[in-house]
PDB file of N, CA and C in Angstrom:
ATOM      1  N   ILE A   1     131.164 125.237 115.967  1.00  0.00           N
ATOM      2  CA  ILE A   1     129.737 124.390 116.592  1.00  0.00           C
ATOM      3  C   ILE A   1     129.388 123.757 115.153  1.00  0.00           C
ATOM      4  N   LYS A   2     128.995 124.679 114.277  1.00  0.00           N
ATOM      5  CA  LYS A   2     128.043 124.179 112.906  1.00  0.00           C
ATOM      6  C   LYS A   2     128.988 123.339 112.220  1.00  0.00           C
ATOM      7  N   GLN A   3     130.096 123.351 112.159  1.00  0.00           N
ATOM      8  CA  GLN A   3     130.830 121.920 111.733  1.00  0.00           C
ATOM      9  C   GLN A   3     130.374 120.920 112.498  1.00  0.00           C
ATOM     10  N   ALA A   4     130.590 121.198 113.755  1.00  0.00           N
ATOM     11  CA  ALA A   4     130.435 119.696 114.585  1.00  0.00           C
ATOM     12  C   ALA A   4     129.039 119.084 114.437  1.00  0.00           C
ATOM     13  N   ALA A   5     128.241 120.186 114.234  1.00  0.00           N
ATOM     14  CA  ALA A   5     126.631 119.705 114.360  1.00  0.00           C
ATOM     15  C   ALA A   5     126.350 118.921 112.864  1.00  0.00           C
ATOM     16  N   ASP A   6     127.305 119.590 111.517  1.00  0.00           N
ATOM     17  CA  ASP A   6     127.149 119.225 110.720  1.00  0.00           C
ATOM     18  C   ASP A   6     127.428 117.650 110.478  1.00  0.00           C
ATOM     19  N   MET A   7     128.831 117.462 110.987  1.00  0.00           N
ATOM     20  CA  MET A   7     129.360 116.058 111.011  1.00  0.00           C
ATOM     21  C   MET A   7     128.443 115.128 111.859  1.00  0.00           C
ATOM     22  N   LEU A   8     127.803 115.495 113.030  1.00  0.00           N
ATOM     23  CA  LEU A   8     126.871 114.819 113.722  1.00  0.00           C
ATOM     24  C   LEU A   8     125.784 114.322 112.698  1.00  0.00           C
ATOM     25  N   VAL A   9     125.137 115.450 112.179  1.00  0.00           N
ATOM     26  CA  VAL A   9     123.850 114.938 111.607  1.00  0.00           C
ATOM     27  C   VAL A   9     124.307 114.088 109.922  1.00  0.00           C
ATOM     28  N   ASN A  10     125.602 114.313 109.902  1.00  0.00           N
ATOM     29  CA  ASN A  10     125.766 113.671 108.247  1.00  0.00           C
ATOM     30  C   ASN A  10     126.463 112.168 108.570  1.00  0.00           C
ATOM     31  N   ALA A  11     126.738 111.750 110.033  1.00  0.00           N
ATOM     32  CA  ALA A  11     127.272 110.519 110.497  1.00  0.00           C
ATOM     33  C   ALA A  11     126.792 109.246 110.319  1.00  0.00           C
ATOM     34  N   LYS A  12     127.461 108.518 109.414  1.00  0.00           N
ATOM     35  CA  LYS A  12     126.616 107.204 108.984  1.00  0.00           C
ATOM     36  C   LYS A  12     126.877 106.056 110.370  1.00  0.00           C
ATOM     37  N   LYS A  13     128.169 106.258 111.018  1.00  0.00           N
ATOM     38  CA  LYS A  13     128.282 105.415 111.980  1.00  0.00           C
ATOM     39  C   LYS A  13     128.716 105.725 113.459  1.00  0.00           C
ATOM     40  N   PRO A  14     127.783 106.793 114.030  1.00  0.00           N
ATOM     41  CA  PRO A  14     128.206 107.444 115.033  1.00  0.00           C
ATOM     42  C   PRO A  14     128.228 106.583 116.351  1.00  0.00           C
ATOM     43  N   ILE A  15     128.741 107.336 117.317  1.00  0.00           N
ATOM     44  CA  ILE A  15     128.760 106.679 118.849  1.00  0.00           C
ATOM     45  C   ILE A  15     129.077 107.757 119.573  1.00  0.00           C
ATOM     46  N   ILE A  16     128.535 107.317 120.679  1.00  0.00           N
ATOM     47  CA  ILE A  16     128.637 108.473 122.100  1.00  0.00           C
ATOM     48  C   ILE A  16     129.523 107.341 123.244  1.00  0.00           C
ATOM     49  N   TYR A  17     130.464 108.309 123.542  1.00  0.00           N
ATOM     50  CA  TYR A  17     131.147 107.908 124.751  1.00  0.00           C
ATOM     51  C   TYR A  17     131.377 108.475 125.938  1.00  0.00           C
ATOM     52  N   GLY A  18     130.792 108.247 126.579  1.00  0.00           N
ATOM     53  CA  GLY A  18     130.694 108.501 127.974  1.00  0.00           C
ATOM     54  C   GLY A  18     131.434 108.198 129.241  1.00  0.00           C
ATOM     55  N   GLY A  19     131.858 109.159 130.161  1.00  0.00           N
ATOM     56  CA  GLY A  19     132.533 108.424 131.197  1.00  0.00           C
ATOM     57  C   GLY A  19     132.221 109.284 132.685  1.00  0.00           C
ATOM     58  N   GLY A  20     133.459 108.925 133.355  1.00  0.00           N
ATOM     59  CA  GLY A  20     132.803 109.693 134.947  1.00  0.00           C
ATOM     60  C   GLY A  20     132.492 111.013 135.105  1.00  0.00           C
ATOM     61  N   GLY A  21     133.212 111.801 134.039  1.00  0.00           N
ATOM     62  CA  GLY A  21     132.718 113.326 134.322  1.00  0.00           C
ATOM     63  C   GLY A  21     130.902 113.525 134.023  1.00  0.00           C
ATOM     64  N   ILE A  22     130.425 112.605 133.655  1.00  0.00           N
ATOM     65  CA  ILE A  22     128.765 112.612 133.372  1.00  0.00           C
ATOM     66  C   ILE A  22     128.426 112.241 135.308  1.00  0.00           C
ATOM     67  N   ILE A  23     129.091 111.156 135.974  1.00  0.00           N
ATOM     68  CA  ILE A  23     128.668 110.562 137.252  1.00  0.00           C
ATOM     69  C   ILE A  23     128.923 111.952 137.994  1.00  0.00           C
ATOM     70  N   ASN A  24     129.922 112.233 138.055  1.00  0.00           N
ATOM     71  CA  ASN A  24     130.515 113.627 138.997  1.00  0.00           C
ATOM     72  C   ASN A  24     130.088 114.667 138.703  1.00  0.00           C
ATOM     73  N   SER A  25     129.253 115.114 137.677  1.00  0.00           N
ATOM     74  CA  SER A  25     128.344 116.036 137.845  1.00  0.00           C
ATOM     75  C   SER A  25     127.158 116.183 137.886  1.00  0.00           C
ATOM     76  N   GLY A  26     126.627 114.788 138.597  1.00  0.00           N
ATOM     77  CA  GLY A  26     125.059 114.622 139.177  1.00  0.00           C
ATOM     78  C   GLY A  26     124.312 113.826 138.285  1.00  0.00           C
ATOM     79  N   ASP A  27     123.203 114.033 139.025  1.00  0.00           N
ATOM     80  CA  ASP A  27     121.985 113.177 138.405  1.00  0.00           C
ATOM     81  C   ASP A  27     121.185 114.066 136.928  1.00  0.00           C
ATOM     82  N   LYS A  28     121.517 115.425 136.957  1.00  0.00           N
ATOM     83  CA  LYS A  28     120.815 116.105 135.907  1.00  0.00           C
ATOM     84  C   LYS A  28     121.877 115.602 134.717  1.00  0.00           C
ATOM     85  N   ALA A  29     122.854 115.628 134.819  1.00  0.00           N
ATOM     86  CA  ALA A  29     124.051 115.249 133.624  1.00  0.00           C
ATOM     87  C   ALA A  29     123.562 113.888 133.108  1.00  0.00           C
ATOM     88  N   SER A  30     123.366 112.804 134.239  1.00  0.00           N
ATOM     89  CA  SER A  30     123.000 111.421 133.661  1.00  0.00           C
ATOM     90  C   SER A  30     121.499 111.632 132.764  1.00  0.00           C
ATOM     91  N   ALA A  31     120.649 112.473 133.515  1.00  0.00           N
ATOM     92  CA  ALA A  31     119.571 112.319 132.825  1.00  0.00           C
ATOM     93  C   ALA A  31     119.506 113.158 131.423  1.00  0.00           C
ATOM     94  N   LEU A  32     120.270 113.904 131.008  1.00  0.00           N
ATOM     95  CA  LEU A  32     120.672 114.903 129.853  1.00  0.00           C
ATOM     96  C   LEU A  32     121.221 113.903 128.814  1.00  0.00           C
ATOM     97  N   LEU A  33     122.152 113.117 129.497  1.00  0.00           N
ATOM     98  CA  LEU A  33     122.756 111.851 128.527  1.00  0.00           C
ATOM     99  C   LEU A  33     121.782 111.228 127.809  1.00  0.00           C
ATOM    100  N   ARG A  34     120.578 110.579 129.002  1.00  0.00           N
ATOM    101  CA  ARG A  34     119.500 109.810 128.412  1.00  0.00           C
ATOM    102  C   ARG A  34     118.697 110.498 127.517  1.00  0.00           C
ATOM    103  N   GLU A  35     118.645 112.053 127.620  1.00  0.00           N
ATOM    104  CA  GLU A  35     117.904 112.236 126.684  1.00  0.00           C
ATOM    105  C   GLU A  35     118.242 112.456 125.421  1.00  0.00           C
ATOM    106  N   LEU A  36     119.863 112.731 125.227  1.00  0.00           N
ATOM    107  CA  LEU A  36     120.765 112.576 124.026  1.00  0.00           C
ATOM    108  C   LEU A  36     120.105 111.504 123.474  1.00  0.00           C
ATOM    109  N   VAL A  37     120.761 110.440 124.104  1.00  0.00           N
ATOM    110  CA  VAL A  37     120.364 108.865 123.529  1.00  0.00           C
ATOM    111  C   VAL A  37     119.066 108.409 122.924  1.00  0.00           C
ATOM    112  N   ASP A  38     118.059 108.951 123.669  1.00  0.00           N
ATOM    113  CA  ASP A  38     116.693 108.783 122.864  1.00  0.00           C
ATOM    114  C   ASP A  38     116.687 109.499 122.153  1.00  0.00           C
ATOM    115  N   LEU A  39     117.018 110.775 121.793  1.00  0.00           N
ATOM    116  CA  LEU A  39     116.531 111.404 120.860  1.00  0.00           C
ATOM    117  C   LEU A  39     117.462 111.329 119.884  1.00  0.00           C
ATOM    118  N   THR A  40     118.705 110.858 119.625  1.00  0.00           N
ATOM    119  CA  THR A  40     119.817 110.117 118.706  1.00  0.00           C
ATOM    120  C   THR A  40     119.267 108.960 118.147  1.00  0.00           C
ATOM    121  N   LYS A  41     119.076 108.383 119.279  1.00  0.00           N
ATOM    122  CA  LYS A  41     119.362 106.698 118.892  1.00  0.00           C
ATOM    123  C   LYS A  41     120.658 106.116 118.705  1.00  0.00           C
ATOM    124  N   PHE A  42     121.701 107.028 118.947  1.00  0.00           N
ATOM    125  CA  PHE A  42     123.144 106.689 118.811  1.00  0.00           C
ATOM    126  C   PHE A  42     123.663 105.427 119.553  1.00  0.00           C
ATOM    127  N   PRO A  43     124.254 104.394 119.199  1.00  0.00           N
ATOM    128  CA  PRO A  43     125.053 103.640 120.303  1.00  0.00           C
ATOM    129  C   PRO A  43     125.833 104.421 121.090  1.00  0.00           C
ATOM    130  N   THR A  44     125.861 103.578 122.356  1.00  0.00           N
ATOM    131  CA  THR A  44     126.409 104.428 123.456  1.00  0.00           C
ATOM    132  C   THR A  44     127.071 103.357 124.217  1.00  0.00           C
ATOM    133  N   THR A  45     128.605 104.131 124.570  1.00  0.00           N
ATOM    134  CA  THR A  45     129.309 103.263 125.218  1.00  0.00           C
ATOM    135  C   THR A  45     129.785 104.245 126.364  1.00  0.00           C
ATOM    136  N   LEU A  46     130.378 103.328 127.645  1.00  0.00           N
ATOM    137  CA  LEU A  46     130.667 104.054 128.668  1.00  0.00           C
ATOM    138  C   LEU A  46     132.244 103.594 129.672  1.00  0.00           C
ATOM    139  N   THR A  47     132.616 104.413 130.160  1.00  0.00           N
ATOM    140  CA  THR A  47     133.855 103.631 130.886  1.00  0.00           C
ATOM    141  C   THR A  47     133.165 103.054 131.982  1.00  0.00           C
ATOM    142  N   LEU A  48     134.588 102.596 132.722  1.00  0.00           N
ATOM    143  CA  LEU A  48     134.149 101.743 134.156  1.00  0.00           C
ATOM    144  C   LEU A  48     133.741 103.045 135.022  1.00  0.00           C
ATOM    145  N   LEU A  49     134.450 103.958 135.168  1.00  0.00           N
ATOM    146  CA  LEU A  49     133.479 105.032 135.767  1.00  0.00           C
ATOM    147  C   LEU A  49     132.404 105.838 135.768  1.00  0.00           C
ATOM    148  N   GLY A  50     132.203 105.590 134.351  1.00  0.00           N
ATOM    149  CA  GLY A  50     130.912 106.278 134.140  1.00  0.00           C
ATOM    150  C   GLY A  50     129.571 105.356 133.847  1.00  0.00           C
ATOM    151  N   LEU A  51     129.858 104.014 134.247  1.00  0.00           N
ATOM    152  CA  LEU A  51     128.642 103.193 134.367  1.00  0.00           C
ATOM    153  C   LEU A  51     127.592 103.476 135.191  1.00  0.00           C
ATOM    154  N   GLY A  52     126.479 103.496 134.547  1.00  0.00           N
ATOM    155  CA  GLY A  52     125.497 104.121 135.271  1.00  0.00           C
ATOM    156  C   GLY A  52     124.615 105.384 134.803  1.00  0.00           C
ATOM    157  N   ALA A  53     125.736 105.971 134.150  1.00  0.00           N
ATOM    158  CA  ALA A  53     124.722 107.263 133.632  1.00  0.00           C
ATOM    159  C   ALA A  53     123.956 106.859 132.619  1.00  0.00           C
ATOM    160  N   LEU A  54     123.931 105.562 132.012  1.00  0.00           N
ATOM    161  CA  LEU A  54     122.945 104.969 131.308  1.00  0.00           C
ATOM    162  C   LEU A  54     122.236 103.584 131.465  1.00  0.00           C
ATOM    163  N   PRO A  55     121.252 103.451 131.879  1.00  0.00           N
ATOM    164  CA  PRO A  55     120.512 102.210 132.184  1.00  0.00           C
ATOM    165  C   PRO A  55     121.298 100.901 131.454  1.00  0.00           C
ATOM    166  N   ALA A  56     121.927 100.227 132.150  1.00  0.00           N
ATOM    167  CA  ALA A  56     122.458  98.742 131.487  1.00  0.00           C
ATOM    168  C   ALA A  56     121.120  98.267 130.383  1.00  0.00           C
ATOM    169  N   GLU A  57     119.798  98.491 130.441  1.00  0.00           N
ATOM    170  CA  GLU A  57     118.975  97.731 130.047  1.00  0.00           C
ATOM    171  C   GLU A  57     118.605  98.641 128.661  1.00  0.00           C
ATOM    172  N   ASP A  58     119.117  99.974 128.479  1.00  0.00           N
ATOM    173  CA  ASP A  58     118.823 100.697 127.367  1.00  0.00           C
ATOM    174  C   ASP A  58     119.125 100.048 125.869  1.00  0.00           C
ATOM    175  N   PRO A  59     118.276 100.151 125.208  1.00  0.00           N
ATOM    176  CA  PRO A  59     118.786  99.198 124.007  1.00  0.00           C
ATOM    177  C   PRO A  59     120.080 100.035 123.086  1.00  0.00           C
ATOM    178  N   HIS A  60     120.186 101.032 123.486  1.00  0.00           N
ATOM    179  CA  HIS A  60     121.500 101.714 122.580  1.00  0.00           C
ATOM    180  C   HIS A  60     122.766 101.395 123.161  1.00  0.00           C
ATOM    181  N   PHE A  61     122.760 100.904 124.711  1.00  0.00           N
ATOM    182  CA  PHE A  61     123.861 100.774 125.339  1.00  0.00           C
ATOM    183  C   PHE A  61     124.646  99.726 124.853  1.00  0.00           C
ATOM    184  N   LEU A  62     125.824  99.808 124.317  1.00  0.00           N
ATOM    185  CA  LEU A  62     126.904  98.834 124.396  1.00  0.00           C
ATOM    186  C   LEU A  62     127.520  98.135 125.132  1.00  0.00           C
ATOM    187  N   GLY A  63     127.514  98.426 126.496  1.00  0.00           N
ATOM    188  CA  GLY A  63     128.438  98.152 127.372  1.00  0.00           C
ATOM    189  C   GLY A  63     129.626  98.900 127.604  1.00  0.00           C
ATOM    190  N   MET A  64     130.429  98.610 128.297  1.00  0.00           N
ATOM    191  CA  MET A  64     131.920  99.506 128.812  1.00  0.00           C
ATOM    192  C   MET A  64     132.835  99.307 127.667  1.00  0.00           C
ATOM    193  N   LEU A  65     133.661 100.309 127.553  1.00  0.00           N
ATOM    194  CA  LEU A  65     134.653 100.267 126.547  1.00  0.00           C
ATOM    195  C   LEU A  65     135.602 100.010 127.089  1.00  0.00           C
ATOM    196  N   GLY A  66     136.621  99.520 126.151  1.00  0.00           N
ATOM    197  CA  GLY A  66     138.325  99.162 126.641  1.00  0.00           C
ATOM    198  C   GLY A  66     138.625  98.014 126.710  1.00  0.00           C
ATOM    199  N   MET A  67     140.125  97.916 127.616  1.00  0.00           N
ATOM    200  CA  MET A  67     140.267  96.177 127.725  1.00  0.00           C
ATOM    201  C   MET A  67     139.902  95.586 128.624  1.00  0.00           C
ATOM    202  N   HIS A  68     138.619  95.828 129.242  1.00  0.00           N
ATOM    203  CA  HIS A  68     137.779  95.166 129.876  1.00  0.00           C
ATOM    204  C   HIS A  68     136.554  95.267 129.430  1.00  0.00           C
ATOM    205  N   GLY A  69     136.636  96.188 128.345  1.00  0.00           N
ATOM    206  CA  GLY A  69     134.958  96.264 127.905  1.00  0.00           C
ATOM    207  C   GLY A  69     134.557  95.202 127.030  1.00  0.00           C
ATOM    208  N   THR A  70     133.012  95.445 126.114  1.00  0.00           N
ATOM    209  CA  THR A  70     132.635  94.359 125.451  1.00  0.00           C
ATOM    210  C   THR A  70     133.148  94.518 124.182  1.00  0.00           C
ATOM    211  N   TYR A  71     132.856  93.335 123.342  1.00  0.00           N
ATOM    212  CA  TYR A  71     133.742  93.150 121.730  1.00  0.00           C
ATOM    213  C   TYR A  71     132.729  94.531 120.884  1.00  0.00           C
ATOM    214  N   GLU A  72     131.336  94.752 121.304  1.00  0.00           N
ATOM    215  CA  GLU A  72     130.458  95.321 120.635  1.00  0.00           C
ATOM    216  C   GLU A  72     131.020  96.786 120.823  1.00  0.00           C
ATOM    217  N   ALA A  73     131.026  97.090 122.065  1.00  0.00           N
ATOM    218  CA  ALA A  73     131.604  98.585 122.191  1.00  0.00           C
ATOM    219  C   ALA A  73     133.025  98.655 121.766  1.00  0.00           C
ATOM    220  N   ASN A  74     133.802  97.891 121.848  1.00  0.00           N
ATOM    221  CA  ASN A  74     134.930  98.137 121.159  1.00  0.00           C
ATOM    222  C   ASN A  74     134.707  98.343 119.509  1.00  0.00           C
ATOM    223  N   MET A  75     134.193  97.473 119.253  1.00  0.00           N
ATOM    224  CA  MET A  75     134.570  97.529 117.468  1.00  0.00           C
ATOM    225  C   MET A  75     133.638  98.421 116.946  1.00  0.00           C
ATOM    226  N   THR A  76     132.559  98.826 117.634  1.00  0.00           N
ATOM    227  CA  THR A  76     131.596 100.272 117.367  1.00  0.00           C
ATOM    228  C   THR A  76     132.680 101.277 117.689  1.00  0.00           C
ATOM    229  N   MET A  77     133.140 101.772 118.284  1.00  0.00           N
ATOM    230  CA  MET A  77     134.353 102.756 118.525  1.00  0.00           C
ATOM    231  C   MET A  77     135.153 102.473 117.431  1.00  0.00           C
ATOM    232  N   TYR A  78     135.985 101.421 116.950  1.00  0.00           N
ATOM    233  CA  TYR A  78     136.653 101.370 116.329  1.00  0.00           C
ATOM    234  C   TYR A  78     136.569 101.847 114.693  1.00  0.00           C
ATOM    235  N   HIS A  79     135.155 101.323 114.421  1.00  0.00           N
ATOM    236  CA  HIS A  79     134.810 101.684 113.046  1.00  0.00           C
ATOM    237  C   HIS A  79     133.783 102.916 112.730  1.00  0.00           C
ATOM    238  N   CYS A  80     133.764 103.738 114.177  1.00  0.00           N
ATOM    239  CA  CYS A  80     132.799 105.159 114.047  1.00  0.00           C
ATOM    240  C   CYS A  80     133.465 106.016 113.042  1.00  0.00           C
ATOM    241  N   ASP A  81     132.400 106.889 112.439  1.00  0.00           N
ATOM    242  CA  ASP A  81     132.911 107.747 111.907  1.00  0.00           C
ATOM    243  C   ASP A  81     132.719 109.722 112.447  1.00  0.00           C
ATOM    244  N   PHE A  82     132.084 109.272 113.585  1.00  0.00           N
ATOM    245  CA  PHE A  82     131.689 110.199 114.277  1.00  0.00           C
ATOM    246  C   PHE A  82     131.714 109.779 115.715  1.00  0.00           C
ATOM    247  N   MET A  83     132.583 110.420 116.953  1.00  0.00           N
ATOM    248  CA  MET A  83     132.268 110.232 118.331  1.00  0.00           C
ATOM    249  C   MET A  83     132.249 111.451 118.892  1.00  0.00           C
ATOM    250  N   LEU A  84     131.289 111.423 119.871  1.00  0.00           N
ATOM    251  CA  LEU A  84     130.553 112.569 120.481  1.00  0.00           C
ATOM    252  C   LEU A  84     131.077 112.057 122.204  1.00  0.00           C
ATOM    253  N   ASN A  85     132.411 112.392 122.507  1.00  0.00           N
ATOM    254  CA  ASN A  85     132.921 112.260 123.921  1.00  0.00           C
ATOM    255  C   ASN A  85     132.020 113.051 124.793  1.00  0.00           C
ATOM    256  N   VAL A  86     131.527 112.592 125.803  1.00  0.00           N
ATOM    257  CA  VAL A  86     130.814 113.228 127.387  1.00  0.00           C
ATOM    258  C   VAL A  86     131.287 112.940 128.550  1.00  0.00           C
ATOM    259  N   GLY A  87     132.166 113.628 128.949  1.00  0.00           N
ATOM    260  CA  GLY A  87     133.220 113.486 130.368  1.00  0.00           C
ATOM    261  C   GLY A  87     133.758 112.335 130.565  1.00  0.00           C
ATOM    262  N   ALA A  88     134.623 111.913 129.237  1.00  0.00           N
ATOM    263  CA  ALA A  88     135.308 110.652 129.383  1.00  0.00           C
ATOM    264  C   ALA A  88     136.723 111.403 129.272  1.00  0.00           C
ATOM    265  N   ARG A  89     137.998 110.543 129.602  1.00  0.00           N
ATOM    266  CA  ARG A  89     138.837 110.700 129.283  1.00  0.00           C
ATOM    267  C   ARG A  89     139.415 109.552 128.072  1.00  0.00           C
ATOM    268  N   PHE A  90     140.666 109.719 127.916  1.00  0.00           N
ATOM    269  CA  PHE A  90     141.214 108.831 126.736  1.00  0.00           C
ATOM    270  C   PHE A  90     142.319 108.042 127.127  1.00  0.00           C
ATOM    271  N   ASP A  91     142.395 107.430 128.287  1.00  0.00           N
ATOM    272  CA  ASP A  91     143.562 106.767 129.190  1.00  0.00           C
ATOM    273  C   ASP A  91     143.755 105.439 128.329  1.00  0.00           C
ATOM    274  N   ASP A  92     144.690 104.816 128.889  1.00  0.00           N
ATOM    275  CA  ASP A  92     145.324 103.688 128.154  1.00  0.00           C
ATOM    276  C   ASP A  92     144.746 102.449 128.090  1.00  0.00           C
ATOM    277  N   ARG A  93     143.472 102.567 129.267  1.00  0.00           N
ATOM    278  CA  ARG A  93     142.590 101.308 129.448  1.00  0.00           C
ATOM    279  C   ARG A  93     141.719 101.385 128.519  1.00  0.00           C
ATOM    280  N   VAL A  94     141.535 102.427 127.623  1.00  0.00           N
ATOM    281  CA  VAL A  94     140.339 102.882 126.870  1.00  0.00           C
ATOM    282  C   VAL A  94     140.900 102.810 125.251  1.00  0.00           C
ATOM    283  N   THR A  95     141.890 103.258 124.905  1.00  0.00           N
ATOM    284  CA  THR A  95     142.810 103.542 124.010  1.00  0.00           C
ATOM    285  C   THR A  95     143.564 102.148 123.476  1.00  0.00           C
ATOM    286  N   GLY A  96     144.146 102.094 124.465  1.00  0.00           N
ATOM    287  CA  GLY A  96     145.204 100.980 124.194  1.00  0.00           C
ATOM    288  C   GLY A  96     146.421 101.867 123.298  1.00  0.00           C
ATOM    289  N   ARG A  97     147.088 101.074 122.488  1.00  0.00           N
ATOM    290  CA  ARG A  97     147.760 102.326 121.523  1.00  0.00           C
ATOM    291  C   ARG A  97     147.123 103.259 120.814  1.00  0.00           C
ATOM    292  N   THR A  98     147.423 104.408 120.905  1.00  0.00           N
ATOM    293  CA  THR A  98     146.652 105.597 120.294  1.00  0.00           C
ATOM    294  C   THR A  98     146.671 105.354 118.776  1.00  0.00           C
ATOM    295  N   SER A  99     147.738 104.998 118.319  1.00  0.00           N
ATOM    296  CA  SER A  99     147.745 104.922 116.686  1.00  0.00           C
ATOM    297  C   SER A  99     146.797 104.170 116.272  1.00  0.00           C
ATOM    298  N   GLY A 100     146.615 103.093 117.177  1.00  0.00           N
ATOM    299  CA  GLY A 100     145.240 102.114 116.678  1.00  0.00           C
ATOM    300  C   GLY A 100     143.839 102.260 117.061  1.00  0.00           C
ATOM    301  N   PHE A 101     143.736 103.428 117.850  1.00  0.00           N
ATOM    302  CA  PHE A 101     142.184 103.805 118.317  1.00  0.00           C
ATOM    303  C   PHE A 101     141.454 104.525 117.481  1.00  0.00           C
ATOM    304  N   SER A 102     140.239 103.879 117.214  1.00  0.00           N
ATOM    305  CA  SER A 102     139.159 104.630 116.262  1.00  0.00           C
ATOM    306  C   SER A 102     139.944 105.537 115.174  1.00  0.00           C
ATOM    307  N   PRO A 103     140.828 104.843 114.211  1.00  0.00           N
ATOM    308  CA  PRO A 103     141.254 105.506 113.106  1.00  0.00           C
ATOM    309  C   PRO A 103     140.185 106.030 112.186  1.00  0.00           C
TER     310      PRO A 103
END
């Protein structure tokens, strides 16, 4: 945990990647995600099934990730140096070719 915390604190291009697991976990999980985003100010993207976990008007929300996602979300994920996954899968609609996903 300490190593992950150090990576988080030292990240220059972090991103929070959330998914349907947040929605499935209930309102408290969505509230905790909003609290995390407010605290860290990290850019945040969600999968299709995670939409709604963070308000679309949140200034840190980049939109949906993946083949039907926004350019901003996909490019921020591609260039990140730290990704925090909260309740999301790495399926082919998000990753495409896994060898080229967020190298």
